[in-house]
Amino acid sequence: MNSVGEACTELKRDYDQCFNRWFAEKFLKGEAGDGGDPCVQLFKRYQLCVQKAIKEKDIPIEGLEFMGSSKEKSENSS
């Protein structure tokens, strides 16, 4: 699947490959450890690219929920 911006598609593929490799070779075998996420820098680069593409394409994102946002809202309103 391509990314929201054509310029981001290669970054998405790189991140997806890194994550899938880590998930299959480390996480599922219980070897995730405390080494952190080896794909975090790839994800950050991809995230910045997507944010830029959203702004350039003037895609409205108001009202969208992002990972963890609805859980955090319900916990904060308690």
PDB file of N, CA and C in Angstrom:
ATOM      1  N   MET A   1       0.849  -1.176   0.000  1.00  0.00           N
ATOM      2  CA  MET A   1       0.000   0.000   0.000  1.00  0.00           C
ATOM      3  C   MET A   1       0.892   1.236   0.000  1.00  0.00           C
ATOM      4  N   ASN A   2       0.533   2.195  -0.825  1.00  0.00           N
ATOM      5  CA  ASN A   2       1.287   3.434  -0.900  1.00  0.00           C
ATOM      6  C   ASN A   2       0.936   4.348   0.261  1.00  0.00           C
ATOM      7  N   SER A   3       1.767   5.335   0.458  1.00  0.00           N
ATOM      8  CA  SER A   3       1.559   6.301   1.520  1.00  0.00           C
ATOM      9  C   SER A   3       0.696   7.447   1.018  1.00  0.00           C
ATOM     10  N   VAL A   4       0.313   8.321   1.936  1.00  0.00           N
ATOM     11  CA  VAL A   4      -0.507   9.485   1.601  1.00  0.00           C
ATOM     12  C   VAL A   4       0.214  10.414   0.628  1.00  0.00           C
ATOM     13  N   GLY A   5       1.513  10.439   0.681  1.00  0.00           N
ATOM     14  CA  GLY A   5       2.302  11.242  -0.245  1.00  0.00           C
ATOM     15  C   GLY A   5       3.265  10.350  -0.998  1.00  0.00           C
ATOM     16  N   GLU A   6       3.374  10.565  -2.303  1.00  0.00           N
ATOM     17  CA  GLU A   6       4.262   9.718  -3.104  1.00  0.00           C
ATOM     18  C   GLU A   6       5.688   9.732  -2.574  1.00  0.00           C
ATOM     19  N   ALA A   7       6.128  10.876  -2.093  1.00  0.00           N
ATOM     20  CA  ALA A   7       7.490  10.991  -1.569  1.00  0.00           C
ATOM     21  C   ALA A   7       7.687  10.144  -0.324  1.00  0.00           C
ATOM     22  N   CYS A   8       6.592   9.773   0.329  1.00  0.00           N
ATOM     23  CA  CYS A   8       6.664   9.021   1.586  1.00  0.00           C
ATOM     24  C   CYS A   8       6.591   7.507   1.388  1.00  0.00           C
ATOM     25  N   THR A   9       6.245   7.068   0.208  1.00  0.00           N
ATOM     26  CA  THR A   9       6.023   5.637  -0.023  1.00  0.00           C
ATOM     27  C   THR A   9       7.269   4.806   0.251  1.00  0.00           C
ATOM     28  N   GLU A  10       8.424   5.270  -0.188  1.00  0.00           N
ATOM     29  CA  GLU A  10       9.673   4.527   0.050  1.00  0.00           C
ATOM     30  C   GLU A  10       9.979   4.448   1.547  1.00  0.00           C
ATOM     31  N   LEU A  11       9.764   5.562   2.263  1.00  0.00           N
ATOM     32  CA  LEU A  11       9.973   5.564   3.717  1.00  0.00           C
ATOM     33  C   LEU A  11       9.023   4.593   4.403  1.00  0.00           C
ATOM     34  N   LYS A  12       7.780   4.539   3.919  1.00  0.00           N
ATOM     35  CA  LYS A  12       6.795   3.609   4.491  1.00  0.00           C
ATOM     36  C   LYS A  12       7.247   2.168   4.287  1.00  0.00           C
ATOM     37  N   ARG A  13       7.709   1.855   3.100  1.00  0.00           N
ATOM     38  CA  ARG A  13       8.179   0.491   2.814  1.00  0.00           C
ATOM     39  C   ARG A  13       9.370   0.127   3.704  1.00  0.00           C
ATOM     40  N   ASP A  14      10.302   1.069   3.859  1.00  0.00           N
ATOM     41  CA  ASP A  14      11.469   0.813   4.715  1.00  0.00           C
ATOM     42  C   ASP A  14      11.039   0.550   6.152  1.00  0.00           C
ATOM     43  N   TYR A  15      10.124   1.390   6.661  1.00  0.00           N
ATOM     44  CA  TYR A  15       9.645   1.204   8.031  1.00  0.00           C
ATOM     45  C   TYR A  15       8.888  -0.115   8.170  1.00  0.00           C
ATOM     46  N   ASP A  16       7.989  -0.404   7.224  1.00  0.00           N
ATOM     47  CA  ASP A  16       7.217  -1.652   7.281  1.00  0.00           C
ATOM     48  C   ASP A  16       8.136  -2.870   7.293  1.00  0.00           C
ATOM     49  N   GLN A  17       9.168  -2.851   6.462  1.00  0.00           N
ATOM     50  CA  GLN A  17      10.108  -3.974   6.425  1.00  0.00           C
ATOM     51  C   GLN A  17      10.842  -4.115   7.750  1.00  0.00           C
ATOM     52  N   CYS A  18      11.292  -3.000   8.296  1.00  0.00           N
ATOM     53  CA  CYS A  18      12.007  -3.016   9.569  1.00  0.00           C
ATOM     54  C   CYS A  18      11.106  -3.558  10.679  1.00  0.00           C
ATOM     55  N   PHE A  19       9.886  -3.027  10.757  1.00  0.00           N
ATOM     56  CA  PHE A  19       8.960  -3.453  11.800  1.00  0.00           C
ATOM     57  C   PHE A  19       8.615  -4.930  11.659  1.00  0.00           C
ATOM     58  N   ASN A  20       8.290  -5.359  10.458  1.00  0.00           N
ATOM     59  CA  ASN A  20       7.923  -6.766  10.249  1.00  0.00           C
ATOM     60  C   ASN A  20       9.071  -7.704  10.606  1.00  0.00           C
ATOM     61  N   ARG A  21      10.292  -7.311  10.251  1.00  0.00           N
ATOM     62  CA  ARG A  21      11.464  -8.119  10.589  1.00  0.00           C
ATOM     63  C   ARG A  21      11.627  -8.200  12.107  1.00  0.00           C
ATOM     64  N   TRP A  22      11.562  -7.047  12.783  1.00  0.00           N
ATOM     65  CA  TRP A  22      11.695  -7.010  14.242  1.00  0.00           C
ATOM     66  C   TRP A  22      10.588  -7.832  14.905  1.00  0.00           C
ATOM     67  N   PHE A  23       9.375  -7.669  14.433  1.00  0.00           N
ATOM     68  CA  PHE A  23       8.230  -8.363  15.021  1.00  0.00           C
ATOM     69  C   PHE A  23       8.388  -9.879  14.891  1.00  0.00           C
ATOM     70  N   ALA A  24       8.738 -10.345  13.702  1.00  0.00           N
ATOM     71  CA  ALA A  24       8.855 -11.784  13.453  1.00  0.00           C
ATOM     72  C   ALA A  24      10.100 -12.394  14.085  1.00  0.00           C
ATOM     73  N   GLU A  25      11.225 -11.700  13.999  1.00  0.00           N
ATOM     74  CA  GLU A  25      12.492 -12.272  14.438  1.00  0.00           C
ATOM     75  C   GLU A  25      12.809 -12.032  15.909  1.00  0.00           C
ATOM     76  N   LYS A  26      12.229 -11.027  16.500  1.00  0.00           N
ATOM     77  CA  LYS A  26      12.534 -10.700  17.901  1.00  0.00           C
ATOM     78  C   LYS A  26      11.306 -10.798  18.804  1.00  0.00           C
ATOM     79  N   PHE A  27      10.300  -9.967  18.524  1.00  0.00           N
ATOM     80  CA  PHE A  27       9.151  -9.850  19.413  1.00  0.00           C
ATOM     81  C   PHE A  27       8.435 -11.181  19.612  1.00  0.00           C
ATOM     82  N   LEU A  28       8.098 -11.863  18.527  1.00  0.00           N
ATOM     83  CA  LEU A  28       7.363 -13.122  18.637  1.00  0.00           C
ATOM     84  C   LEU A  28       8.171 -14.224  19.307  1.00  0.00           C
ATOM     85  N   LYS A  29       9.472 -14.081  19.330  1.00  0.00           N
ATOM     86  CA  LYS A  29      10.329 -15.069  19.985  1.00  0.00           C
ATOM     87  C   LYS A  29      10.685 -14.649  21.405  1.00  0.00           C
ATOM     88  N   GLY A  30      10.079 -13.555  21.873  1.00  0.00           N
ATOM     89  CA  GLY A  30      10.333 -13.091  23.227  1.00  0.00           C
ATOM     90  C   GLY A  30      11.684 -12.432  23.397  1.00  0.00           C
ATOM     91  N   GLU A  31      12.277 -11.980  22.314  1.00  0.00           N
ATOM     92  CA  GLU A  31      13.614 -11.399  22.367  1.00  0.00           C
ATOM     93  C   GLU A  31      13.601  -9.877  22.177  1.00  0.00           C
ATOM     94  N   ALA A  32      12.450  -9.262  22.385  1.00  0.00           N
ATOM     95  CA  ALA A  32      12.355  -7.813  22.165  1.00  0.00           C
ATOM     96  C   ALA A  32      13.267  -7.075  23.127  1.00  0.00           C
ATOM     97  N   GLY A  33      13.341  -7.540  24.363  1.00  0.00           N
ATOM     98  CA  GLY A  33      14.267  -6.992  25.349  1.00  0.00           C
ATOM     99  C   GLY A  33      14.137  -5.514  25.573  1.00  0.00           C
ATOM    100  N   ASP A  34      15.161  -4.957  26.179  1.00  0.00           N
ATOM    101  CA  ASP A  34      15.185  -3.537  26.493  1.00  0.00           C
ATOM    102  C   ASP A  34      16.000  -2.754  25.476  1.00  0.00           C
ATOM    103  N   GLY A  35      16.267  -3.352  24.342  1.00  0.00           N
ATOM    104  CA  GLY A  35      17.069  -2.694  23.325  1.00  0.00           C
ATOM    105  C   GLY A  35      16.343  -1.563  22.621  1.00  0.00           C
ATOM    106  N   GLY A  36      15.071  -1.377  22.944  1.00  0.00           N
ATOM    107  CA  GLY A  36      14.300  -0.329  22.296  1.00  0.00           C
ATOM    108  C   GLY A  36      13.828  -0.765  20.928  1.00  0.00           C
ATOM    109  N   ASP A  37      13.148   0.108  20.283  1.00  0.00           N
ATOM    110  CA  ASP A  37      12.610  -0.158  18.959  1.00  0.00           C
ATOM    111  C   ASP A  37      13.666   0.198  17.914  1.00  0.00           C
ATOM    112  N   PRO A  38      14.174  -0.779  17.184  1.00  0.00           N
ATOM    113  CA  PRO A  38      15.219  -0.497  16.200  1.00  0.00           C
ATOM    114  C   PRO A  38      14.700   0.293  14.997  1.00  0.00           C
ATOM    115  N   CYS A  39      13.390   0.440  14.902  1.00  0.00           N
ATOM    116  CA  CYS A  39      12.790   1.104  13.743  1.00  0.00           C
ATOM    117  C   CYS A  39      12.322   2.523  14.051  1.00  0.00           C
ATOM    118  N   VAL A  40      12.578   3.000  15.249  1.00  0.00           N
ATOM    119  CA  VAL A  40      12.028   4.286  15.679  1.00  0.00           C
ATOM    120  C   VAL A  40      12.485   5.441  14.793  1.00  0.00           C
ATOM    121  N   GLN A  41      13.726   5.458  14.362  1.00  0.00           N
ATOM    122  CA  GLN A  41      14.206   6.553  13.509  1.00  0.00           C
ATOM    123  C   GLN A  41      13.541   6.518  12.133  1.00  0.00           C
ATOM    124  N   LEU A  42      13.342   5.315  11.585  1.00  0.00           N
ATOM    125  CA  LEU A  42      12.630   5.194  10.313  1.00  0.00           C
ATOM    126  C   LEU A  42      11.200   5.695  10.462  1.00  0.00           C
ATOM    127  N   PHE A  43      10.560   5.338  11.580  1.00  0.00           N
ATOM    128  CA  PHE A  43       9.187   5.776  11.811  1.00  0.00           C
ATOM    129  C   PHE A  43       9.108   7.296  11.911  1.00  0.00           C
ATOM    130  N   LYS A  44      10.036   7.908  12.614  1.00  0.00           N
ATOM    131  CA  LYS A  44      10.026   9.367  12.772  1.00  0.00           C
ATOM    132  C   LYS A  44      10.183  10.067  11.422  1.00  0.00           C
ATOM    133  N   ARG A  45      11.074   9.548  10.579  1.00  0.00           N
ATOM    134  CA  ARG A  45      11.265  10.133   9.247  1.00  0.00           C
ATOM    135  C   ARG A  45       9.994   9.988   8.409  1.00  0.00           C
ATOM    136  N   TYR A  46       9.363   8.822   8.490  1.00  0.00           N
ATOM    137  CA  TYR A  46       8.121   8.584   7.760  1.00  0.00           C
ATOM    138  C   TYR A  46       7.005   9.489   8.289  1.00  0.00           C
ATOM    139  N   GLN A  47       6.905   9.605   9.602  1.00  0.00           N
ATOM    140  CA  GLN A  47       5.875  10.434  10.227  1.00  0.00           C
ATOM    141  C   GLN A  47       5.999  11.900   9.781  1.00  0.00           C
ATOM    142  N   LEU A  48       7.220  12.425   9.766  1.00  0.00           N
ATOM    143  CA  LEU A  48       7.429  13.802   9.319  1.00  0.00           C
ATOM    144  C   LEU A  48       7.031  13.984   7.856  1.00  0.00           C
ATOM    145  N   CYS A  49       7.345  13.006   7.038  1.00  0.00           N
ATOM    146  CA  CYS A  49       6.987  13.057   5.627  1.00  0.00           C
ATOM    147  C   CYS A  49       5.468  13.076   5.460  1.00  0.00           C
ATOM    148  N   VAL A  50       4.770  12.234   6.201  1.00  0.00           N
ATOM    149  CA  VAL A  50       3.306  12.179   6.124  1.00  0.00           C
ATOM    150  C   VAL A  50       2.697  13.497   6.602  1.00  0.00           C
ATOM    151  N   GLN A  51       3.211  14.038   7.685  1.00  0.00           N
ATOM    152  CA  GLN A  51       2.693  15.311   8.187  1.00  0.00           C
ATOM    153  C   GLN A  51       2.862  16.413   7.143  1.00  0.00           C
ATOM    154  N   LYS A  52       4.000  16.427   6.470  1.00  0.00           N
ATOM    155  CA  LYS A  52       4.258  17.415   5.423  1.00  0.00           C
ATOM    156  C   LYS A  52       3.287  17.215   4.254  1.00  0.00           C
ATOM    157  N   ALA A  53       3.070  15.974   3.848  1.00  0.00           N
ATOM    158  CA  ALA A  53       2.164  15.678   2.735  1.00  0.00           C
ATOM    159  C   ALA A  53       0.733  16.081   3.073  1.00  0.00           C
ATOM    160  N   ILE A  54       0.320  15.861   4.313  1.00  0.00           N
ATOM    161  CA  ILE A  54      -1.034  16.236   4.739  1.00  0.00           C
ATOM    162  C   ILE A  54      -1.211  17.751   4.638  1.00  0.00           C
ATOM    163  N   LYS A  55      -0.199  18.493   5.063  1.00  0.00           N
ATOM    164  CA  LYS A  55      -0.267  19.957   4.987  1.00  0.00           C
ATOM    165  C   LYS A  55      -0.274  20.420   3.527  1.00  0.00           C
ATOM    166  N   GLU A  56       0.603  19.831   2.710  1.00  0.00           N
ATOM    167  CA  GLU A  56       0.709  20.242   1.309  1.00  0.00           C
ATOM    168  C   GLU A  56      -0.578  19.960   0.541  1.00  0.00           C
ATOM    169  N   LYS A  57      -1.235  18.856   0.866  1.00  0.00           N
ATOM    170  CA  LYS A  57      -2.474  18.476   0.171  1.00  0.00           C
ATOM    171  C   LYS A  57      -3.704  19.075   0.835  1.00  0.00           C
ATOM    172  N   ASP A  58      -3.475  19.812   1.922  1.00  0.00           N
ATOM    173  CA  ASP A  58      -4.566  20.457   2.656  1.00  0.00           C
ATOM    174  C   ASP A  58      -5.659  19.448   3.029  1.00  0.00           C
ATOM    175  N   ILE A  59      -5.228  18.307   3.553  1.00  0.00           N
ATOM    176  CA  ILE A  59      -6.157  17.263   3.978  1.00  0.00           C
ATOM    177  C   ILE A  59      -6.657  17.605   5.377  1.00  0.00           C
ATOM    178  N   PRO A  60      -7.978  17.742   5.543  1.00  0.00           N
ATOM    179  CA  PRO A  60      -8.499  18.074   6.877  1.00  0.00           C
ATOM    180  C   PRO A  60      -8.361  16.881   7.812  1.00  0.00           C
ATOM    181  N   ILE A  61      -7.779  17.117   8.970  1.00  0.00           N
ATOM    182  CA  ILE A  61      -7.609  16.021   9.925  1.00  0.00           C
ATOM    183  C   ILE A  61      -8.356  16.273  11.233  1.00  0.00           C
ATOM    184  N   GLU A  62      -9.123  17.364  11.291  1.00  0.00           N
ATOM    185  CA  GLU A  62      -9.884  17.635  12.488  1.00  0.00           C
ATOM    186  C   GLU A  62     -10.877  16.498  12.730  1.00  0.00           C
ATOM    187  N   GLY A  63     -10.992  16.068  13.955  1.00  0.00           N
ATOM    188  CA  GLY A  63     -11.928  15.013  14.313  1.00  0.00           C
ATOM    189  C   GLY A  63     -11.375  13.615  14.164  1.00  0.00           C
ATOM    190  N   LEU A  64     -10.213  13.475  13.566  1.00  0.00           N
ATOM    191  CA  LEU A  64      -9.614  12.149  13.446  1.00  0.00           C
ATOM    192  C   LEU A  64      -9.018  11.736  14.777  1.00  0.00           C
ATOM    193  N   GLU A  65      -9.114  10.480  15.081  1.00  0.00           N
ATOM    194  CA  GLU A  65      -8.505   9.971  16.295  1.00  0.00           C
ATOM    195  C   GLU A  65      -7.211   9.266  15.933  1.00  0.00           C
ATOM    196  N   PHE A  66      -6.177   9.567  16.687  1.00  0.00           N
ATOM    197  CA  PHE A  66      -4.898   8.935  16.470  1.00  0.00           C
ATOM    198  C   PHE A  66      -4.682   7.879  17.530  1.00  0.00           C
ATOM    199  N   MET A  67      -3.699   7.054  17.329  1.00  0.00           N
ATOM    200  CA  MET A  67      -3.432   5.949  18.246  1.00  0.00           C
ATOM    201  C   MET A  67      -3.397   6.439  19.688  1.00  0.00           C
ATOM    202  N   GLY A  68      -4.260   5.868  20.510  1.00  0.00           N
ATOM    203  CA  GLY A  68      -4.268   6.171  21.930  1.00  0.00           C
ATOM    204  C   GLY A  68      -5.103   7.371  22.308  1.00  0.00           C
ATOM    205  N   SER A  69      -5.546   8.161  21.353  1.00  0.00           N
ATOM    206  CA  SER A  69      -6.223   9.405  21.720  1.00  0.00           C
ATOM    207  C   SER A  69      -7.557   9.176  22.403  1.00  0.00           C
ATOM    208  N   SER A  70      -8.380   8.226  21.963  1.00  0.00           N
ATOM    209  CA  SER A  70      -9.670   8.039  22.612  1.00  0.00           C
ATOM    210  C   SER A  70      -9.501   7.429  23.996  1.00  0.00           C
ATOM    211  N   LYS A  71      -8.545   6.569  24.174  1.00  0.00           N
ATOM    212  CA  LYS A  71      -8.279   5.984  25.498  1.00  0.00           C
ATOM    213  C   LYS A  71      -7.787   7.065  26.448  1.00  0.00           C
ATOM    214  N   GLU A  72      -6.865   7.901  25.957  1.00  0.00           N
ATOM    215  CA  GLU A  72      -6.334   8.966  26.800  1.00  0.00           C
ATOM    216  C   GLU A  72      -7.416   9.957  27.197  1.00  0.00           C
ATOM    217  N   LYS A  73      -8.316  10.286  26.265  1.00  0.00           N
ATOM    218  CA  LYS A  73      -9.399  11.215  26.564  1.00  0.00           C
ATOM    219  C   LYS A  73     -10.313  10.658  27.639  1.00  0.00           C
ATOM    220  N   SER A  74     -10.672   9.361  27.526  1.00  0.00           N
ATOM    221  CA  SER A  74     -11.575   8.781  28.515  1.00  0.00           C
ATOM    222  C   SER A  74     -10.920   8.679  29.876  1.00  0.00           C
ATOM    223  N   GLU A  75      -9.605   8.428  29.904  1.00  0.00           N
ATOM    224  CA  GLU A  75      -8.896   8.351  31.173  1.00  0.00           C
ATOM    225  C   GLU A  75      -8.746   9.730  31.801  1.00  0.00           C
ATOM    226  N   ASN A  76      -8.522  10.759  30.984  1.00  0.00           N
ATOM    227  CA  ASN A  76      -8.344  12.117  31.495  1.00  0.00           C
ATOM    228  C   ASN A  76      -9.647  12.740  31.953  1.00  0.00           C
ATOM    229  N   SER A  77     -10.778  12.298  31.409  1.00  0.00           N
ATOM    230  CA  SER A  77     -12.048  12.879  31.797  1.00  0.00           C
ATOM    231  C   SER A  77     -12.603  12.255  33.062  1.00  0.00           C
ATOM    232  N   SER A  78     -11.974  11.220  33.573  1.00  0.00           N
ATOM    233  CA  SER A  78     -12.456  10.546  34.794  1.00  0.00           C
ATOM    234  C   SER A  78     -12.093  11.332  36.018  1.00  0.00           C
TER     235      SER A  78
END
